[in-house]
Amino acid sequence: IETVFYTSCVLIQALYYYWYGNEVREKSLSVPEMVIDSNW
């Protein structure tokens, strides 16, 4: 039971990093769309 909880924490902790890193990556790739949406 202890291992089950610990494994869940390890996966959630990894998801914590990967999720926010993915958010930054996707937002940085949307910069060209930001430029197109502006009054250029």
PDB file of all heavy atoms in Angstrom:
ATOM      1  N   ILE A   1       0.837  -1.203   0.000  1.00  0.00           N
ATOM      2  CA  ILE A   1       0.000   0.000   0.000  1.00  0.00           C
ATOM      3  C   ILE A   1       0.872   1.253   0.000  1.00  0.00           C
ATOM      4  O   ILE A   1       0.587   2.234  -0.698  1.00  0.00           O
ATOM      5  CB  ILE A   1      -0.940  -0.015   1.215  1.00  0.00           C
ATOM      6  CG1 ILE A   1      -1.880  -1.230   1.140  1.00  0.00           C
ATOM      7  CG2 ILE A   1      -1.753   1.279   1.289  1.00  0.00           C
ATOM      8  CD1 ILE A   1      -2.764  -1.399   2.354  1.00  0.00           C
ATOM      9  N   GLU A   2       1.946   1.205   0.762  1.00  0.00           N
ATOM     10  CA  GLU A   2       2.882   2.329   0.788  1.00  0.00           C
ATOM     11  C   GLU A   2       3.493   2.558  -0.593  1.00  0.00           C
ATOM     12  O   GLU A   2       3.644   3.700  -1.037  1.00  0.00           O
ATOM     13  CB  GLU A   2       3.971   2.049   1.823  1.00  0.00           C
ATOM     14  CG  GLU A   2       5.023   3.132   1.950  1.00  0.00           C
ATOM     15  CD  GLU A   2       6.078   2.765   2.961  1.00  0.00           C
ATOM     16  OE1 GLU A   2       5.694   2.377   4.084  1.00  0.00           O
ATOM     17  OE2 GLU A   2       7.277   2.843   2.632  1.00  0.00           O
ATOM     18  N   THR A   3       3.823   1.481  -1.281  1.00  0.00           N
ATOM     19  CA  THR A   3       4.398   1.585  -2.619  1.00  0.00           C
ATOM     20  C   THR A   3       3.396   2.166  -3.608  1.00  0.00           C
ATOM     21  O   THR A   3       3.757   2.936  -4.501  1.00  0.00           O
ATOM     22  CB  THR A   3       4.874   0.202  -3.101  1.00  0.00           C
ATOM     23  OG1 THR A   3       5.791  -0.342  -2.145  1.00  0.00           O
ATOM     24  CG2 THR A   3       5.571   0.306  -4.439  1.00  0.00           C
ATOM     25  N   VAL A   4       2.118   1.797  -3.458  1.00  0.00           N
ATOM     26  CA  VAL A   4       1.082   2.337  -4.344  1.00  0.00           C
ATOM     27  C   VAL A   4       1.000   3.856  -4.200  1.00  0.00           C
ATOM     28  O   VAL A   4       0.965   4.595  -5.196  1.00  0.00           O
ATOM     29  CB  VAL A   4      -0.275   1.673  -4.046  1.00  0.00           C
ATOM     30  CG1 VAL A   4      -1.401   2.385  -4.799  1.00  0.00           C
ATOM     31  CG2 VAL A   4      -0.245   0.207  -4.426  1.00  0.00           C
ATOM     32  N   PHE A   5       0.967   4.331  -2.963  1.00  0.00           N
ATOM     33  CA  PHE A   5       0.898   5.777  -2.735  1.00  0.00           C
ATOM     34  C   PHE A   5       2.152   6.474  -3.241  1.00  0.00           C
ATOM     35  O   PHE A   5       2.083   7.547  -3.852  1.00  0.00           O
ATOM     36  CB  PHE A   5       0.695   6.062  -1.239  1.00  0.00           C
ATOM     37  CG  PHE A   5      -0.720   5.914  -0.782  1.00  0.00           C
ATOM     38  CD1 PHE A   5      -1.125   4.808  -0.053  1.00  0.00           C
ATOM     39  CD2 PHE A   5      -1.667   6.883  -1.085  1.00  0.00           C
ATOM     40  CE1 PHE A   5      -2.433   4.663   0.361  1.00  0.00           C
ATOM     41  CE2 PHE A   5      -2.978   6.749  -0.670  1.00  0.00           C
ATOM     42  CZ  PHE A   5      -3.363   5.635   0.059  1.00  0.00           C
ATOM     43  N   TYR A   6       3.304   5.863  -2.991  1.00  0.00           N
ATOM     44  CA  TYR A   6       4.558   6.486  -3.412  1.00  0.00           C
ATOM     45  C   TYR A   6       4.662   6.550  -4.940  1.00  0.00           C
ATOM     46  O   TYR A   6       5.094   7.556  -5.503  1.00  0.00           O
ATOM     47  CB  TYR A   6       5.743   5.711  -2.839  1.00  0.00           C
ATOM     48  CG  TYR A   6       7.085   6.331  -3.179  1.00  0.00           C
ATOM     49  CD1 TYR A   6       7.512   7.488  -2.550  1.00  0.00           C
ATOM     50  CD2 TYR A   6       7.896   5.767  -4.149  1.00  0.00           C
ATOM     51  CE1 TYR A   6       8.732   8.071  -2.871  1.00  0.00           C
ATOM     52  CE2 TYR A   6       9.119   6.336  -4.471  1.00  0.00           C
ATOM     53  CZ  TYR A   6       9.533   7.486  -3.824  1.00  0.00           C
ATOM     54  OH  TYR A   6      10.735   8.055  -4.149  1.00  0.00           O
ATOM     55  N   THR A   7       4.251   5.472  -5.614  1.00  0.00           N
ATOM     56  CA  THR A   7       4.285   5.468  -7.071  1.00  0.00           C
ATOM     57  C   THR A   7       3.344   6.524  -7.644  1.00  0.00           C
ATOM     58  O   THR A   7       3.675   7.217  -8.623  1.00  0.00           O
ATOM     59  CB  THR A   7       3.897   4.082  -7.605  1.00  0.00           C
ATOM     60  OG1 THR A   7       4.745   3.098  -7.006  1.00  0.00           O
ATOM     61  CG2 THR A   7       4.051   4.014  -9.115  1.00  0.00           C
ATOM     62  N   SER A   8       2.180   6.675  -7.039  1.00  0.00           N
ATOM     63  CA  SER A   8       1.251   7.717  -7.473  1.00  0.00           C
ATOM     64  C   SER A   8       1.866   9.104  -7.318  1.00  0.00           C
ATOM     65  O   SER A   8       1.728   9.963  -8.201  1.00  0.00           O
ATOM     66  CB  SER A   8      -0.055   7.620  -6.682  1.00  0.00           C
ATOM     67  OG  SER A   8      -0.654   6.346  -6.834  1.00  0.00           O
ATOM     68  N   CYS A   9       2.555   9.315  -6.210  1.00  0.00           N
ATOM     69  CA  CYS A   9       3.213  10.611  -5.988  1.00  0.00           C
ATOM     70  C   CYS A   9       4.316  10.859  -7.007  1.00  0.00           C
ATOM     71  O   CYS A   9       4.487  11.989  -7.497  1.00  0.00           O
ATOM     72  CB  CYS A   9       3.783  10.672  -4.574  1.00  0.00           C
ATOM     73  SG  CYS A   9       2.547  10.724  -3.263  1.00  0.00           S
ATOM     74  N   VAL A  10       5.081   9.826  -7.349  1.00  0.00           N
ATOM     75  CA  VAL A  10       6.153   9.974  -8.329  1.00  0.00           C
ATOM     76  C   VAL A  10       5.588  10.350  -9.694  1.00  0.00           C
ATOM     77  O   VAL A  10       6.097  11.252 -10.378  1.00  0.00           O
ATOM     78  CB  VAL A  10       6.984   8.679  -8.422  1.00  0.00           C
ATOM     79  CG1 VAL A  10       7.928   8.720  -9.613  1.00  0.00           C
ATOM     80  CG2 VAL A  10       7.778   8.476  -7.137  1.00  0.00           C
ATOM     81  N   LEU A  11       4.502   9.677 -10.097  1.00  0.00           N
ATOM     82  CA  LEU A  11       3.896   9.978 -11.394  1.00  0.00           C
ATOM     83  C   LEU A  11       3.274  11.377 -11.406  1.00  0.00           C
ATOM     84  O   LEU A  11       3.393  12.110 -12.399  1.00  0.00           O
ATOM     85  CB  LEU A  11       2.835   8.932 -11.729  1.00  0.00           C
ATOM     86  CG  LEU A  11       3.359   7.522 -12.032  1.00  0.00           C
ATOM     87  CD1 LEU A  11       2.198   6.553 -12.228  1.00  0.00           C
ATOM     88  CD2 LEU A  11       4.260   7.535 -13.263  1.00  0.00           C
ATOM     89  N   ILE A  12       2.622  11.754 -10.314  1.00  0.00           N
ATOM     90  CA  ILE A  12       2.023  13.090 -10.250  1.00  0.00           C
ATOM     91  C   ILE A  12       3.108  14.164 -10.254  1.00  0.00           C
ATOM     92  O   ILE A  12       2.963  15.216 -10.886  1.00  0.00           O
ATOM     93  CB  ILE A  12       1.128  13.210  -9.003  1.00  0.00           C
ATOM     94  CG1 ILE A  12      -0.093  12.296  -9.140  1.00  0.00           C
ATOM     95  CG2 ILE A  12       0.678  14.648  -8.796  1.00  0.00           C
ATOM     96  CD1 ILE A  12      -0.954  12.232  -7.902  1.00  0.00           C
ATOM     97  N   GLN A  13       4.205  13.907  -9.564  1.00  0.00           N
ATOM     98  CA  GLN A  13       5.306  14.870  -9.547  1.00  0.00           C
ATOM     99  C   GLN A  13       5.909  15.025 -10.940  1.00  0.00           C
ATOM    100  O   GLN A  13       6.213  16.142 -11.375  1.00  0.00           O
ATOM    101  CB  GLN A  13       6.378  14.420  -8.560  1.00  0.00           C
ATOM    102  CG  GLN A  13       7.508  15.427  -8.392  1.00  0.00           C
ATOM    103  CD  GLN A  13       8.572  14.920  -7.438  1.00  0.00           C
ATOM    104  OE1 GLN A  13       8.778  13.717  -7.310  1.00  0.00           O
ATOM    105  NE2 GLN A  13       9.254  15.826  -6.771  1.00  0.00           N
ATOM    106  N   ALA A  14       6.085  13.910 -11.650  1.00  0.00           N
ATOM    107  CA  ALA A  14       6.597  13.992 -13.022  1.00  0.00           C
ATOM    108  C   ALA A  14       5.625  14.753 -13.919  1.00  0.00           C
ATOM    109  O   ALA A  14       6.036  15.590 -14.737  1.00  0.00           O
ATOM    110  CB  ALA A  14       6.852  12.591 -13.567  1.00  0.00           C
ATOM    111  N   LEU A  15       4.328  14.470 -13.772  1.00  0.00           N
ATOM    112  CA  LEU A  15       3.324  15.191 -14.554  1.00  0.00           C
ATOM    113  C   LEU A  15       3.342  16.680 -14.244  1.00  0.00           C
ATOM    114  O   LEU A  15       3.103  17.512 -15.132  1.00  0.00           O
ATOM    115  CB  LEU A  15       1.938  14.604 -14.275  1.00  0.00           C
ATOM    116  CG  LEU A  15       0.757  15.275 -14.981  1.00  0.00           C
ATOM    117  CD1 LEU A  15       0.907  15.175 -16.494  1.00  0.00           C
ATOM    118  CD2 LEU A  15      -0.565  14.652 -14.527  1.00  0.00           C
ATOM    119  N   TYR A  16       3.646  17.028 -13.011  1.00  0.00           N
ATOM    120  CA  TYR A  16       3.725  18.427 -12.585  1.00  0.00           C
ATOM    121  C   TYR A  16       4.747  19.187 -13.434  1.00  0.00           C
ATOM    122  O   TYR A  16       4.463  20.267 -13.957  1.00  0.00           O
ATOM    123  CB  TYR A  16       4.109  18.451 -11.106  1.00  0.00           C
ATOM    124  CG  TYR A  16       3.822  19.738 -10.389  1.00  0.00           C
ATOM    125  CD1 TYR A  16       2.516  20.163 -10.201  1.00  0.00           C
ATOM    126  CD2 TYR A  16       4.843  20.512  -9.868  1.00  0.00           C
ATOM    127  CE1 TYR A  16       2.240  21.335  -9.523  1.00  0.00           C
ATOM    128  CE2 TYR A  16       4.585  21.679  -9.186  1.00  0.00           C
ATOM    129  CZ  TYR A  16       3.274  22.091  -9.013  1.00  0.00           C
ATOM    130  OH  TYR A  16       3.018  23.254  -8.356  1.00  0.00           O
ATOM    131  N   TYR A  17       5.938  18.604 -13.591  1.00  0.00           N
ATOM    132  CA  TYR A  17       6.971  19.238 -14.400  1.00  0.00           C
ATOM    133  C   TYR A  17       6.594  19.244 -15.870  1.00  0.00           C
ATOM    134  O   TYR A  17       6.693  20.268 -16.558  1.00  0.00           O
ATOM    135  CB  TYR A  17       8.305  18.505 -14.244  1.00  0.00           C
ATOM    136  CG  TYR A  17       8.916  18.621 -12.871  1.00  0.00           C
ATOM    137  CD1 TYR A  17       9.287  17.488 -12.156  1.00  0.00           C
ATOM    138  CD2 TYR A  17       9.127  19.860 -12.289  1.00  0.00           C
ATOM    139  CE1 TYR A  17       9.856  17.586 -10.899  1.00  0.00           C
ATOM    140  CE2 TYR A  17       9.680  19.970 -11.032  1.00  0.00           C
ATOM    141  CZ  TYR A  17      10.054  18.829 -10.338  1.00  0.00           C
ATOM    142  OH  TYR A  17      10.607  18.926  -9.100  1.00  0.00           O
ATOM    143  N   TYR A  18       6.163  18.087 -16.371  1.00  0.00           N
ATOM    144  CA  TYR A  18       5.897  17.960 -17.798  1.00  0.00           C
ATOM    145  C   TYR A  18       4.732  18.839 -18.233  1.00  0.00           C
ATOM    146  O   TYR A  18       4.720  19.367 -19.349  1.00  0.00           O
ATOM    147  CB  TYR A  18       5.613  16.491 -18.159  1.00  0.00           C
ATOM    148  CG  TYR A  18       6.823  15.606 -18.038  1.00  0.00           C
ATOM    149  CD1 TYR A  18       6.769  14.389 -17.347  1.00  0.00           C
ATOM    150  CD2 TYR A  18       8.037  15.973 -18.611  1.00  0.00           C
ATOM    151  CE1 TYR A  18       7.887  13.579 -17.230  1.00  0.00           C
ATOM    152  CE2 TYR A  18       9.146  15.162 -18.494  1.00  0.00           C
ATOM    153  CZ  TYR A  18       9.071  13.969 -17.819  1.00  0.00           C
ATOM    154  OH  TYR A  18      10.174  13.171 -17.712  1.00  0.00           O
ATOM    155  N   TRP A  19       3.734  18.985 -17.374  1.00  0.00           N
ATOM    156  CA  TRP A  19       2.559  19.782 -17.740  1.00  0.00           C
ATOM    157  C   TRP A  19       2.938  21.249 -17.919  1.00  0.00           C
ATOM    158  O   TRP A  19       2.604  21.867 -18.938  1.00  0.00           O
ATOM    159  CB  TRP A  19       1.474  19.629 -16.675  1.00  0.00           C
ATOM    160  CG  TRP A  19       0.266  20.473 -16.957  1.00  0.00           C
ATOM    161  CD1 TRP A  19      -0.005  21.725 -16.512  1.00  0.00           C
ATOM    162  CD2 TRP A  19      -0.846  20.098 -17.783  1.00  0.00           C
ATOM    163  NE1 TRP A  19      -1.193  22.173 -16.986  1.00  0.00           N
ATOM    164  CE2 TRP A  19      -1.740  21.198 -17.781  1.00  0.00           C
ATOM    165  CE3 TRP A  19      -1.158  18.960 -18.513  1.00  0.00           C
ATOM    166  CZ2 TRP A  19      -2.946  21.180 -18.486  1.00  0.00           C
ATOM    167  CZ3 TRP A  19      -2.355  18.942 -19.222  1.00  0.00           C
ATOM    168  CH2 TRP A  19      -3.225  20.041 -19.199  1.00  0.00           C
ATOM    169  N   TYR A  20       3.628  21.817 -16.942  1.00  0.00           N
ATOM    170  CA  TYR A  20       3.991  23.233 -17.038  1.00  0.00           C
ATOM    171  C   TYR A  20       5.024  23.473 -18.139  1.00  0.00           C
ATOM    172  O   TYR A  20       4.995  24.505 -18.817  1.00  0.00           O
ATOM    173  CB  TYR A  20       4.515  23.741 -15.692  1.00  0.00           C
ATOM    174  CG  TYR A  20       3.424  23.959 -14.674  1.00  0.00           C
ATOM    175  CD1 TYR A  20       3.237  23.064 -13.615  1.00  0.00           C
ATOM    176  CD2 TYR A  20       2.568  25.035 -14.764  1.00  0.00           C
ATOM    177  CE1 TYR A  20       2.229  23.252 -12.681  1.00  0.00           C
ATOM    178  CE2 TYR A  20       1.559  25.234 -13.838  1.00  0.00           C
ATOM    179  CZ  TYR A  20       1.387  24.340 -12.800  1.00  0.00           C
ATOM    180  OH  TYR A  20       0.391  24.526 -11.887  1.00  0.00           O
ATOM    181  N   GLY A  21       5.951  22.523 -18.318  1.00  0.00           N
ATOM    182  CA  GLY A  21       6.885  22.646 -19.423  1.00  0.00           C
ATOM    183  C   GLY A  21       6.188  22.610 -20.764  1.00  0.00           C
ATOM    184  O   GLY A  21       6.551  23.356 -21.690  1.00  0.00           O
ATOM    185  N   ASN A  22       5.155  21.767 -20.882  1.00  0.00           N
ATOM    186  CA  ASN A  22       4.390  21.702 -22.122  1.00  0.00           C
ATOM    187  C   ASN A  22       3.605  22.990 -22.362  1.00  0.00           C
ATOM    188  O   ASN A  22       3.462  23.443 -23.513  1.00  0.00           O
ATOM    189  CB  ASN A  22       3.442  20.504 -22.072  1.00  0.00           C
ATOM    190  CG  ASN A  22       2.727  20.266 -23.368  1.00  0.00           C
ATOM    191  OD1 ASN A  22       3.296  19.747 -24.327  1.00  0.00           O
ATOM    192  ND2 ASN A  22       1.460  20.643 -23.435  1.00  0.00           N
ATOM    193  N   GLU A  23       3.078  23.583 -21.282  1.00  0.00           N
ATOM    194  CA  GLU A  23       2.344  24.836 -21.423  1.00  0.00           C
ATOM    195  C   GLU A  23       3.246  25.953 -21.963  1.00  0.00           C
ATOM    196  O   GLU A  23       2.840  26.729 -22.828  1.00  0.00           O
ATOM    197  CB  GLU A  23       1.753  25.243 -20.074  1.00  0.00           C
ATOM    198  CG  GLU A  23       0.595  24.386 -19.603  1.00  0.00           C
ATOM    199  CD  GLU A  23      -0.638  24.554 -20.466  1.00  0.00           C
ATOM    200  OE1 GLU A  23      -1.030  25.707 -20.725  1.00  0.00           O
ATOM    201  OE2 GLU A  23      -1.196  23.535 -20.904  1.00  0.00           O
ATOM    202  N   VAL A  24       4.469  26.025 -21.444  1.00  0.00           N
ATOM    203  CA  VAL A  24       5.412  27.043 -21.931  1.00  0.00           C
ATOM    204  C   VAL A  24       5.768  26.784 -23.390  1.00  0.00           C
ATOM    205  O   VAL A  24       5.836  27.709 -24.206  1.00  0.00           O
ATOM    206  CB  VAL A  24       6.678  27.065 -21.051  1.00  0.00           C
ATOM    207  CG1 VAL A  24       7.703  28.036 -21.616  1.00  0.00           C
ATOM    208  CG2 VAL A  24       6.328  27.451 -19.619  1.00  0.00           C
ATOM    209  N   ARG A  25       6.008  25.526 -23.730  1.00  0.00           N
ATOM    210  CA  ARG A  25       6.385  25.187 -25.107  1.00  0.00           C
ATOM    211  C   ARG A  25       5.271  25.545 -26.094  1.00  0.00           C
ATOM    212  O   ARG A  25       5.536  26.157 -27.139  1.00  0.00           O
ATOM    213  CB  ARG A  25       6.702  23.691 -25.197  1.00  0.00           C
ATOM    214  CG  ARG A  25       7.226  23.248 -26.552  1.00  0.00           C
ATOM    215  CD  ARG A  25       7.535  21.756 -26.546  1.00  0.00           C
ATOM    216  NE  ARG A  25       8.171  21.357 -27.786  1.00  0.00           N
ATOM    217  CZ  ARG A  25       7.518  21.062 -28.909  1.00  0.00           C
ATOM    218  NH1 ARG A  25       6.192  21.109 -28.921  1.00  0.00           N
ATOM    219  NH2 ARG A  25       8.170  20.711 -29.999  1.00  0.00           N
ATOM    220  N   GLU A  26       4.031  25.183 -25.758  1.00  0.00           N
ATOM    221  CA  GLU A  26       2.920  25.473 -26.650  1.00  0.00           C
ATOM    222  C   GLU A  26       2.687  26.972 -26.775  1.00  0.00           C
ATOM    223  O   GLU A  26       2.376  27.475 -27.864  1.00  0.00           O
ATOM    224  CB  GLU A  26       1.644  24.783 -26.132  1.00  0.00           C
ATOM    225  CG  GLU A  26       1.705  23.268 -26.154  1.00  0.00           C
ATOM    226  CD  GLU A  26       1.832  22.718 -27.560  1.00  0.00           C
ATOM    227  OE1 GLU A  26       1.293  23.352 -28.491  1.00  0.00           O
ATOM    228  OE2 GLU A  26       2.485  21.671 -27.736  1.00  0.00           O
ATOM    229  N   LYS A  27       2.853  27.697 -25.673  1.00  0.00           N
ATOM    230  CA  LYS A  27       2.649  29.147 -25.726  1.00  0.00           C
ATOM    231  C   LYS A  27       3.731  29.830 -26.547  1.00  0.00           C
ATOM    232  O   LYS A  27       3.454  30.794 -27.280  1.00  0.00           O
ATOM    233  CB  LYS A  27       2.637  29.712 -24.300  1.00  0.00           C
ATOM    234  CG  LYS A  27       2.100  31.133 -24.206  1.00  0.00           C
ATOM    235  CD  LYS A  27       0.635  31.192 -24.572  1.00  0.00           C
ATOM    236  CE  LYS A  27       0.070  32.595 -24.440  1.00  0.00           C
ATOM    237  NZ  LYS A  27      -1.362  32.657 -24.781  1.00  0.00           N
ATOM    238  N   SER A  28       4.967  29.352 -26.454  1.00  0.00           N
ATOM    239  CA  SER A  28       6.049  29.956 -27.234  1.00  0.00           C
ATOM    240  C   SER A  28       5.873  29.690 -28.728  1.00  0.00           C
ATOM    241  O   SER A  28       6.255  30.512 -29.563  1.00  0.00           O
ATOM    242  CB  SER A  28       7.399  29.411 -26.764  1.00  0.00           C
ATOM    243  OG  SER A  28       7.504  28.017 -26.996  1.00  0.00           O
ATOM    244  N   LEU A  29       5.291  28.534 -29.076  1.00  0.00           N
ATOM    245  CA  LEU A  29       5.041  28.234 -30.483  1.00  0.00           C
ATOM    246  C   LEU A  29       3.873  29.030 -31.059  1.00  0.00           C
ATOM    247  O   LEU A  29       3.724  29.098 -32.288  1.00  0.00           O
ATOM    248  CB  LEU A  29       4.762  26.731 -30.658  1.00  0.00           C
ATOM    249  CG  LEU A  29       5.971  25.794 -30.519  1.00  0.00           C
ATOM    250  CD1 LEU A  29       5.517  24.342 -30.567  1.00  0.00           C
ATOM    251  CD2 LEU A  29       6.999  26.064 -31.604  1.00  0.00           C
ATOM    252  N   SER A  30       3.052  29.608 -30.190  1.00  0.00           N
ATOM    253  CA  SER A  30       1.914  30.392 -30.667  1.00  0.00           C
ATOM    254  C   SER A  30       2.249  31.853 -30.919  1.00  0.00           C
ATOM    255  O   SER A  30       1.352  32.629 -31.261  1.00  0.00           O
ATOM    256  CB  SER A  30       0.765  30.305 -29.652  1.00  0.00           C
ATOM    257  OG  SER A  30       1.122  30.927 -28.422  1.00  0.00           O
ATOM    258  N   VAL A  31       3.521  32.236 -30.762  1.00  0.00           N
ATOM    259  CA  VAL A  31       3.916  33.634 -31.005  1.00  0.00           C
ATOM    260  C   VAL A  31       3.637  34.055 -32.448  1.00  0.00           C
ATOM    261  O   VAL A  31       3.152  35.174 -32.688  1.00  0.00           O
ATOM    262  CB  VAL A  31       5.397  33.841 -30.631  1.00  0.00           C
ATOM    263  CG1 VAL A  31       5.875  35.221 -31.066  1.00  0.00           C
ATOM    264  CG2 VAL A  31       5.577  33.689 -29.127  1.00  0.00           C
ATOM    265  N   PRO A  32       3.947  33.221 -33.472  1.00  0.00           N
ATOM    266  CA  PRO A  32       3.578  33.636 -34.839  1.00  0.00           C
ATOM    267  C   PRO A  32       2.095  33.925 -35.002  1.00  0.00           C
ATOM    268  O   PRO A  32       1.710  34.852 -35.733  1.00  0.00           O
ATOM    269  CB  PRO A  32       4.022  32.436 -35.692  1.00  0.00           C
ATOM    270  CG  PRO A  32       5.137  31.824 -34.925  1.00  0.00           C
ATOM    271  CD  PRO A  32       4.746  31.980 -33.485  1.00  0.00           C
ATOM    272  N   GLU A  33       1.235  33.160 -34.334  1.00  0.00           N
ATOM    273  CA  GLU A  33      -0.191  33.431 -34.398  1.00  0.00           C
ATOM    274  C   GLU A  33      -0.527  34.757 -33.719  1.00  0.00           C
ATOM    275  O   GLU A  33      -1.432  35.476 -34.167  1.00  0.00           O
ATOM    276  CB  GLU A  33      -0.969  32.297 -33.738  1.00  0.00           C
ATOM    277  CG  GLU A  33      -0.781  30.948 -34.409  1.00  0.00           C
ATOM    278  CD  GLU A  33      -1.519  29.844 -33.694  1.00  0.00           C
ATOM    279  OE1 GLU A  33      -2.212  30.148 -32.687  1.00  0.00           O
ATOM    280  OE2 GLU A  33      -1.421  28.678 -34.123  1.00  0.00           O
ATOM    281  N   MET A  34       0.208  35.087 -32.639  1.00  0.00           N
ATOM    282  CA  MET A  34       0.008  36.382 -31.999  1.00  0.00           C
ATOM    283  C   MET A  34       0.322  37.518 -32.965  1.00  0.00           C
ATOM    284  O   MET A  34      -0.393  38.530 -33.025  1.00  0.00           O
ATOM    285  CB  MET A  34       0.903  36.503 -30.761  1.00  0.00           C
ATOM    286  CG  MET A  34       0.681  35.457 -29.696  1.00  0.00           C
ATOM    287  SD  MET A  34       1.888  35.662 -28.361  1.00  0.00           S
ATOM    288  CE  MET A  34       1.599  34.194 -27.398  1.00  0.00           C
ATOM    289  N   VAL A  35       1.397  37.355 -33.729  1.00  0.00           N
ATOM    290  CA  VAL A  35       1.789  38.393 -34.693  1.00  0.00           C
ATOM    291  C   VAL A  35       0.740  38.528 -35.782  1.00  0.00           C
ATOM    292  O   VAL A  35       0.368  39.642 -36.190  1.00  0.00           O
ATOM    293  CB  VAL A  35       3.170  38.059 -35.295  1.00  0.00           C
ATOM    294  CG1 VAL A  35       3.534  39.071 -36.378  1.00  0.00           C
ATOM    295  CG2 VAL A  35       4.235  38.058 -34.205  1.00  0.00           C
ATOM    296  N   ILE A  36       0.221  37.398 -36.260  1.00  0.00           N
ATOM    297  CA  ILE A  36      -0.778  37.442 -37.322  1.00  0.00           C
ATOM    298  C   ILE A  36      -2.071  38.088 -36.835  1.00  0.00           C
ATOM    299  O   ILE A  36      -2.733  38.825 -37.587  1.00  0.00           O
ATOM    300  CB  ILE A  36      -1.043  36.016 -37.846  1.00  0.00           C
ATOM    301  CG1 ILE A  36       0.212  35.474 -38.531  1.00  0.00           C
ATOM    302  CG2 ILE A  36      -2.220  35.991 -38.812  1.00  0.00           C
ATOM    303  CD1 ILE A  36       0.101  34.043 -38.982  1.00  0.00           C
ATOM    304  N   ASP A  37      -2.434  37.849 -35.578  1.00  0.00           N
ATOM    305  CA  ASP A  37      -3.654  38.434 -35.033  1.00  0.00           C
ATOM    306  C   ASP A  37      -3.521  39.921 -34.740  1.00  0.00           C
ATOM    307  O   ASP A  37      -4.536  40.588 -34.482  1.00  0.00           O
ATOM    308  CB  ASP A  37      -4.052  37.702 -33.754  1.00  0.00           C
ATOM    309  CG  ASP A  37      -4.491  36.276 -34.023  1.00  0.00           C
ATOM    310  OD1 ASP A  37      -4.891  35.992 -35.162  1.00  0.00           O
ATOM    311  OD2 ASP A  37      -4.406  35.436 -33.092  1.00  0.00           O
ATOM    312  N   SER A  38      -2.309  40.447 -34.742  1.00  0.00           N
ATOM    313  CA  SER A  38      -2.120  41.872 -34.492  1.00  0.00           C
ATOM    314  C   SER A  38      -2.425  42.676 -35.761  1.00  0.00           C
ATOM    315  O   SER A  38      -2.600  42.119 -36.848  1.00  0.00           O
ATOM    316  CB  SER A  38      -0.684  42.142 -34.045  1.00  0.00           C
ATOM    317  OG  SER A  38       0.228  41.831 -35.082  1.00  0.00           O
ATOM    318  N   ASN A  39      -2.467  43.994 -35.623  1.00  0.00           N
ATOM    319  CA  ASN A  39      -2.735  44.872 -36.770  1.00  0.00           C
ATOM    320  C   ASN A  39      -1.436  45.187 -37.515  1.00  0.00           C
ATOM    321  O   ASN A  39      -1.045  46.342 -37.674  1.00  0.00           O
ATOM    322  CB  ASN A  39      -3.404  46.160 -36.290  1.00  0.00           C
ATOM    323  CG  ASN A  39      -4.766  45.905 -35.676  1.00  0.00           C
ATOM    324  OD1 ASN A  39      -5.512  45.046 -36.123  1.00  0.00           O
ATOM    325  ND2 ASN A  39      -5.080  46.657 -34.626  1.00  0.00           N
ATOM    326  N   TRP A  40      -0.786  44.147 -37.997  1.00  0.00           N
ATOM    327  CA  TRP A  40       0.512  44.320 -38.641  1.00  0.00           C
ATOM    328  C   TRP A  40       0.392  44.974 -40.019  1.00  0.00           C
ATOM    329  O   TRP A  40       1.364  45.555 -40.526  1.00  0.00           O
ATOM    330  CB  TRP A  40       1.194  42.959 -38.788  1.00  0.00           C
ATOM    331  CG  TRP A  40       0.422  41.966 -39.612  1.00  0.00           C
ATOM    332  CD1 TRP A  40      -0.511  41.102 -39.160  1.00  0.00           C
ATOM    333  CD2 TRP A  40       0.515  41.770 -41.018  1.00  0.00           C
ATOM    334  NE1 TRP A  40      -1.027  40.353 -40.188  1.00  0.00           N
ATOM    335  CE2 TRP A  40      -0.407  40.741 -41.353  1.00  0.00           C
ATOM    336  CE3 TRP A  40       1.274  42.347 -42.029  1.00  0.00           C
ATOM    337  CZ2 TRP A  40      -0.579  40.303 -42.659  1.00  0.00           C
ATOM    338  CZ3 TRP A  40       1.108  41.900 -43.327  1.00  0.00           C
ATOM    339  CH2 TRP A  40       0.196  40.891 -43.640  1.00  0.00           C
TER     340      TRP A  40
END
